[in-house]
Amino acid sequence: MHRKSFVRLLKSNSRFKRIIGNSRIKKGLSSGFVTLKKGESIGTHSTCKKEELLVIIEGFGKAIIGEKTISIKKGQVLYIPARSLHDIKNTSGGLLKYLYITATAI
């Protein structure tokens, strides 16, 4: 599948906005923009065969990767290896916004 170049706004009124990719397709590149309200979490899920990179745009929170908890905040990038159970939780008083990018691990 060949994709054409595009530009999309990150601004969204929803919790989750897919930028590229399809959750049913298990190969290739996917990306999206997530907004979590105070105390909200994305829910524990697996990266399966994909690596994941999170770019924290606003706020701060916790990343739970397996048994490990990592503090995350605006301006940081978090790498999550393939086949990792993980959750992202907003522990700030405001919004936590991040961009995620996944790609099939080699």
N, C-alpha and C. Protein backbone atom coordinates (compact mmCIF):
# COMPACT_ATOMS: atom_id res chain seq x y z
N MET A 1 0.85 -1.18 0.00
CA MET A 1 0.00 0.00 0.00
C MET A 1 0.89 1.23 0.00
N HIS A 2 0.63 2.15 -0.90
CA HIS A 2 1.36 3.41 -0.98
C HIS A 2 0.48 4.52 -0.41
N ARG A 3 1.06 5.32 0.45
CA ARG A 3 0.35 6.46 1.02
C ARG A 3 0.83 7.72 0.34
N LYS A 4 -0.05 8.71 0.28
CA LYS A 4 0.31 10.01 -0.25
C LYS A 4 0.66 10.93 0.92
N SER A 5 1.45 11.95 0.66
CA SER A 5 1.80 12.93 1.69
C SER A 5 0.54 13.63 2.18
N PHE A 6 0.54 14.02 3.45
CA PHE A 6 -0.61 14.74 4.01
C PHE A 6 -0.19 15.55 5.22
N VAL A 7 -1.04 16.47 5.61
CA VAL A 7 -0.87 17.26 6.83
C VAL A 7 -2.17 17.14 7.61
N ARG A 8 -2.08 16.91 8.92
CA ARG A 8 -3.27 16.82 9.77
C ARG A 8 -3.05 17.65 11.02
N LEU A 9 -4.12 18.23 11.53
CA LEU A 9 -4.07 18.97 12.79
C LEU A 9 -4.07 18.00 13.96
N LEU A 10 -3.27 18.28 14.98
CA LEU A 10 -3.29 17.46 16.19
C LEU A 10 -4.45 17.85 17.09
N LYS A 11 -4.93 19.06 16.93
CA LYS A 11 -6.01 19.55 17.78
C LYS A 11 -7.24 18.65 17.62
N SER A 12 -7.79 18.25 18.75
CA SER A 12 -8.95 17.36 18.71
C SER A 12 -9.75 17.51 19.99
N ASN A 13 -11.07 17.38 19.89
CA ASN A 13 -11.93 17.42 21.07
C ASN A 13 -12.16 16.03 21.63
N SER A 14 -11.61 15.03 20.98
CA SER A 14 -11.81 13.66 21.44
C SER A 14 -10.59 13.16 22.20
N ARG A 15 -10.76 12.06 22.91
CA ARG A 15 -9.69 11.47 23.71
C ARG A 15 -8.60 10.88 22.81
N PHE A 16 -9.00 10.37 21.67
CA PHE A 16 -8.09 9.65 20.79
C PHE A 16 -8.32 10.06 19.35
N LYS A 17 -7.24 10.37 18.66
CA LYS A 17 -7.34 10.72 17.24
C LYS A 17 -6.26 9.96 16.48
N ARG A 18 -6.68 9.04 15.62
CA ARG A 18 -5.71 8.30 14.80
C ARG A 18 -5.21 9.24 13.71
N ILE A 19 -3.91 9.23 13.50
CA ILE A 19 -3.31 10.07 12.47
C ILE A 19 -3.06 9.25 11.21
N ILE A 20 -2.46 8.08 11.39
CA ILE A 20 -2.17 7.21 10.25
C ILE A 20 -2.25 5.77 10.72
N GLY A 21 -2.65 4.89 9.83
CA GLY A 21 -2.70 3.46 10.15
C GLY A 21 -4.10 3.00 10.47
N ASN A 22 -4.18 1.72 10.78
CA ASN A 22 -5.45 1.06 11.05
C ASN A 22 -5.20 0.03 12.14
N SER A 23 -6.00 0.02 13.19
CA SER A 23 -5.76 -0.90 14.31
C SER A 23 -5.90 -2.37 13.91
N ARG A 24 -6.59 -2.66 12.82
CA ARG A 24 -6.74 -4.05 12.37
C ARG A 24 -5.52 -4.53 11.60
N ILE A 25 -4.72 -3.61 11.09
CA ILE A 25 -3.52 -3.97 10.35
C ILE A 25 -2.36 -4.09 11.33
N LYS A 26 -1.74 -5.23 11.36
CA LYS A 26 -0.71 -5.50 12.37
C LYS A 26 0.70 -5.19 11.89
N LYS A 27 0.87 -4.74 10.63
CA LYS A 27 2.20 -4.42 10.12
C LYS A 27 2.26 -2.95 9.74
N GLY A 28 3.48 -2.43 9.68
CA GLY A 28 3.67 -1.07 9.20
C GLY A 28 3.63 -0.01 10.28
N LEU A 29 3.45 1.22 9.84
CA LEU A 29 3.48 2.40 10.68
C LEU A 29 2.07 2.82 11.09
N SER A 30 1.90 3.17 12.36
CA SER A 30 0.64 3.74 12.86
C SER A 30 0.99 4.90 13.76
N SER A 31 0.07 5.84 13.88
CA SER A 31 0.29 6.99 14.75
C SER A 31 -1.03 7.56 15.20
N GLY A 32 -1.02 8.24 16.33
CA GLY A 32 -2.22 8.88 16.82
C GLY A 32 -1.90 9.90 17.89
N PHE A 33 -2.92 10.64 18.28
CA PHE A 33 -2.80 11.70 19.28
C PHE A 33 -3.78 11.39 20.40
N VAL A 34 -3.29 11.37 21.64
CA VAL A 34 -4.12 11.00 22.78
C VAL A 34 -4.19 12.16 23.76
N THR A 35 -5.41 12.43 24.26
CA THR A 35 -5.63 13.42 25.31
C THR A 35 -6.31 12.71 26.49
N LEU A 36 -5.64 12.74 27.65
CA LEU A 36 -6.20 12.14 28.85
C LEU A 36 -6.51 13.23 29.86
N LYS A 37 -7.71 13.19 30.43
CA LYS A 37 -8.09 14.13 31.48
C LYS A 37 -7.46 13.71 32.81
N LYS A 38 -7.51 14.61 33.77
CA LYS A 38 -6.97 14.36 35.11
C LYS A 38 -7.46 13.01 35.63
N GLY A 39 -6.51 12.14 36.04
CA GLY A 39 -6.84 10.85 36.62
C GLY A 39 -7.17 9.75 35.62
N GLU A 40 -7.28 10.09 34.35
CA GLU A 40 -7.65 9.11 33.32
C GLU A 40 -6.45 8.29 32.89
N SER A 41 -6.70 7.06 32.41
CA SER A 41 -5.64 6.24 31.84
C SER A 41 -6.11 5.66 30.51
N ILE A 42 -5.17 5.23 29.71
CA ILE A 42 -5.49 4.65 28.40
C ILE A 42 -5.96 3.21 28.56
N GLY A 43 -5.56 2.56 29.63
CA GLY A 43 -5.90 1.15 29.86
C GLY A 43 -4.76 0.24 29.45
N THR A 44 -4.55 -0.81 30.22
CA THR A 44 -3.46 -1.73 29.94
C THR A 44 -3.70 -2.46 28.63
N HIS A 45 -2.68 -2.46 27.79
CA HIS A 45 -2.76 -3.14 26.50
C HIS A 45 -1.34 -3.52 26.07
N SER A 46 -1.22 -4.33 25.04
CA SER A 46 0.08 -4.80 24.57
C SER A 46 0.47 -4.12 23.27
N THR A 47 1.76 -3.94 23.10
CA THR A 47 2.28 -3.43 21.84
C THR A 47 2.30 -4.53 20.77
N CYS A 48 2.07 -5.79 21.18
CA CYS A 48 2.14 -6.94 20.28
C CYS A 48 3.48 -6.94 19.55
N LYS A 49 3.46 -6.99 18.24
CA LYS A 49 4.71 -7.07 17.48
C LYS A 49 5.25 -5.71 17.09
N LYS A 50 4.71 -4.64 17.70
CA LYS A 50 5.13 -3.29 17.33
C LYS A 50 5.92 -2.62 18.45
N GLU A 51 6.90 -1.82 18.05
CA GLU A 51 7.58 -0.92 18.98
C GLU A 51 6.74 0.34 19.04
N GLU A 52 6.82 1.07 20.16
CA GLU A 52 6.02 2.29 20.29
C GLU A 52 6.87 3.42 20.86
N LEU A 53 6.65 4.60 20.31
CA LEU A 53 7.34 5.80 20.77
C LEU A 53 6.28 6.83 21.14
N LEU A 54 6.36 7.37 22.36
CA LEU A 54 5.43 8.42 22.81
C LEU A 54 6.19 9.73 22.92
N VAL A 55 5.62 10.80 22.38
CA VAL A 55 6.17 12.14 22.49
C VAL A 55 5.20 12.92 23.36
N ILE A 56 5.63 13.28 24.57
CA ILE A 56 4.75 13.96 25.52
C ILE A 56 4.70 15.43 25.14
N ILE A 57 3.49 15.90 24.84
CA ILE A 57 3.28 17.27 24.34
C ILE A 57 2.87 18.23 25.46
N GLU A 58 2.07 17.70 26.42
CA GLU A 58 1.54 18.55 27.49
C GLU A 58 1.27 17.71 28.72
N GLY A 59 1.53 18.29 29.90
CA GLY A 59 1.21 17.63 31.17
C GLY A 59 2.27 16.65 31.62
N PHE A 60 1.86 15.81 32.59
CA PHE A 60 2.75 14.77 33.09
C PHE A 60 1.92 13.60 33.60
N GLY A 61 2.60 12.47 33.77
CA GLY A 61 1.90 11.28 34.23
C GLY A 61 2.86 10.15 34.50
N LYS A 62 2.32 8.93 34.45
CA LYS A 62 3.09 7.72 34.70
C LYS A 62 2.89 6.74 33.55
N ALA A 63 3.96 6.10 33.17
CA ALA A 63 3.91 5.00 32.22
C ALA A 63 4.20 3.73 32.99
N ILE A 64 3.30 2.77 32.93
CA ILE A 64 3.51 1.49 33.58
C ILE A 64 3.81 0.49 32.47
N ILE A 65 5.03 -0.01 32.44
CA ILE A 65 5.47 -0.95 31.42
C ILE A 65 5.87 -2.23 32.14
N GLY A 66 5.03 -3.24 32.00
CA GLY A 66 5.24 -4.47 32.77
C GLY A 66 5.13 -4.15 34.25
N GLU A 67 6.17 -4.42 35.00
CA GLU A 67 6.20 -4.16 36.45
C GLU A 67 6.86 -2.81 36.78
N LYS A 68 7.34 -2.11 35.77
CA LYS A 68 8.10 -0.87 35.97
C LYS A 68 7.21 0.36 35.78
N THR A 69 7.33 1.35 36.67
CA THR A 69 6.62 2.62 36.55
C THR A 69 7.64 3.72 36.27
N ILE A 70 7.36 4.52 35.23
CA ILE A 70 8.26 5.59 34.80
C ILE A 70 7.48 6.90 34.78
N SER A 71 8.03 7.94 35.39
CA SER A 71 7.43 9.27 35.32
C SER A 71 7.68 9.86 33.94
N ILE A 72 6.65 10.48 33.37
CA ILE A 72 6.78 11.11 32.05
C ILE A 72 6.25 12.54 32.13
N LYS A 73 6.82 13.44 31.31
CA LYS A 73 6.35 14.82 31.32
C LYS A 73 6.61 15.47 29.97
N LYS A 74 5.99 16.63 29.79
CA LYS A 74 6.14 17.42 28.57
C LYS A 74 7.60 17.54 28.17
N GLY A 75 7.85 17.33 26.87
CA GLY A 75 9.20 17.47 26.34
C GLY A 75 9.99 16.17 26.33
N GLN A 76 9.42 15.10 26.88
CA GLN A 76 10.11 13.83 26.91
C GLN A 76 9.59 12.89 25.82
N VAL A 77 10.43 11.92 25.49
CA VAL A 77 10.07 10.85 24.56
C VAL A 77 10.22 9.54 25.31
N LEU A 78 9.23 8.67 25.20
CA LEU A 78 9.25 7.37 25.87
C LEU A 78 9.23 6.27 24.83
N TYR A 79 10.14 5.31 24.94
CA TYR A 79 10.18 4.15 24.06
C TYR A 79 9.59 2.95 24.79
N ILE A 80 8.71 2.22 24.11
CA ILE A 80 8.11 1.00 24.66
C ILE A 80 8.43 -0.14 23.70
N PRO A 81 9.16 -1.15 24.17
CA PRO A 81 9.55 -2.26 23.29
C PRO A 81 8.35 -3.09 22.82
N ALA A 82 8.56 -3.84 21.75
CA ALA A 82 7.54 -4.77 21.26
C ALA A 82 7.20 -5.78 22.36
N ARG A 83 5.98 -6.30 22.29
CA ARG A 83 5.48 -7.32 23.21
C ARG A 83 5.48 -6.87 24.67
N SER A 84 5.17 -5.59 24.91
CA SER A 84 5.14 -5.05 26.27
C SER A 84 3.73 -4.68 26.68
N LEU A 85 3.29 -5.20 27.82
CA LEU A 85 2.04 -4.72 28.41
C LEU A 85 2.33 -3.36 29.01
N HIS A 86 1.45 -2.40 28.75
CA HIS A 86 1.70 -1.06 29.28
C HIS A 86 0.40 -0.27 29.43
N ASP A 87 0.48 0.78 30.23
CA ASP A 87 -0.63 1.71 30.46
C ASP A 87 -0.02 3.09 30.66
N ILE A 88 -0.76 4.11 30.26
CA ILE A 88 -0.34 5.50 30.47
C ILE A 88 -1.41 6.16 31.33
N LYS A 89 -1.00 6.78 32.44
CA LYS A 89 -1.94 7.42 33.37
C LYS A 89 -1.60 8.90 33.54
N ASN A 90 -2.63 9.72 33.52
CA ASN A 90 -2.47 11.15 33.76
C ASN A 90 -2.51 11.39 35.27
N THR A 91 -1.40 11.83 35.83
CA THR A 91 -1.33 12.14 37.26
C THR A 91 -1.24 13.64 37.49
N SER A 92 -1.42 14.43 36.43
CA SER A 92 -1.34 15.89 36.55
C SER A 92 -2.72 16.46 36.89
N GLY A 93 -2.74 17.72 37.22
CA GLY A 93 -4.00 18.41 37.51
C GLY A 93 -4.73 18.88 36.27
N GLY A 94 -4.07 18.78 35.12
CA GLY A 94 -4.67 19.21 33.86
C GLY A 94 -4.69 18.07 32.86
N LEU A 95 -4.53 18.40 31.61
CA LEU A 95 -4.54 17.39 30.55
C LEU A 95 -3.15 16.79 30.34
N LEU A 96 -3.12 15.53 29.93
CA LEU A 96 -1.90 14.88 29.45
C LEU A 96 -2.14 14.61 27.97
N LYS A 97 -1.28 15.16 27.12
CA LYS A 97 -1.41 14.98 25.67
C LYS A 97 -0.11 14.39 25.14
N TYR A 98 -0.27 13.36 24.30
CA TYR A 98 0.91 12.78 23.68
C TYR A 98 0.60 12.23 22.30
N LEU A 99 1.64 12.19 21.51
CA LEU A 99 1.61 11.61 20.17
C LEU A 99 2.27 10.24 20.28
N TYR A 100 1.63 9.22 19.72
CA TYR A 100 2.27 7.91 19.70
C TYR A 100 2.56 7.50 18.25
N ILE A 101 3.65 6.77 18.11
CA ILE A 101 4.05 6.25 16.80
C ILE A 101 4.43 4.79 17.02
N THR A 102 3.83 3.88 16.26
CA THR A 102 4.19 2.48 16.35
C THR A 102 4.66 1.98 14.99
N ALA A 103 5.56 1.01 15.03
CA ALA A 103 6.04 0.39 13.80
C ALA A 103 6.38 -1.06 14.12
N THR A 104 6.19 -1.91 13.14
CA THR A 104 6.49 -3.32 13.30
C THR A 104 7.97 -3.50 13.64
N ALA A 105 8.23 -4.22 14.74
CA ALA A 105 9.61 -4.46 15.17
C ALA A 105 10.32 -5.38 14.18
N ILE A 106 11.59 -5.14 14.00
CA ILE A 106 12.38 -5.96 13.07
C ILE A 106 13.01 -7.11 13.83
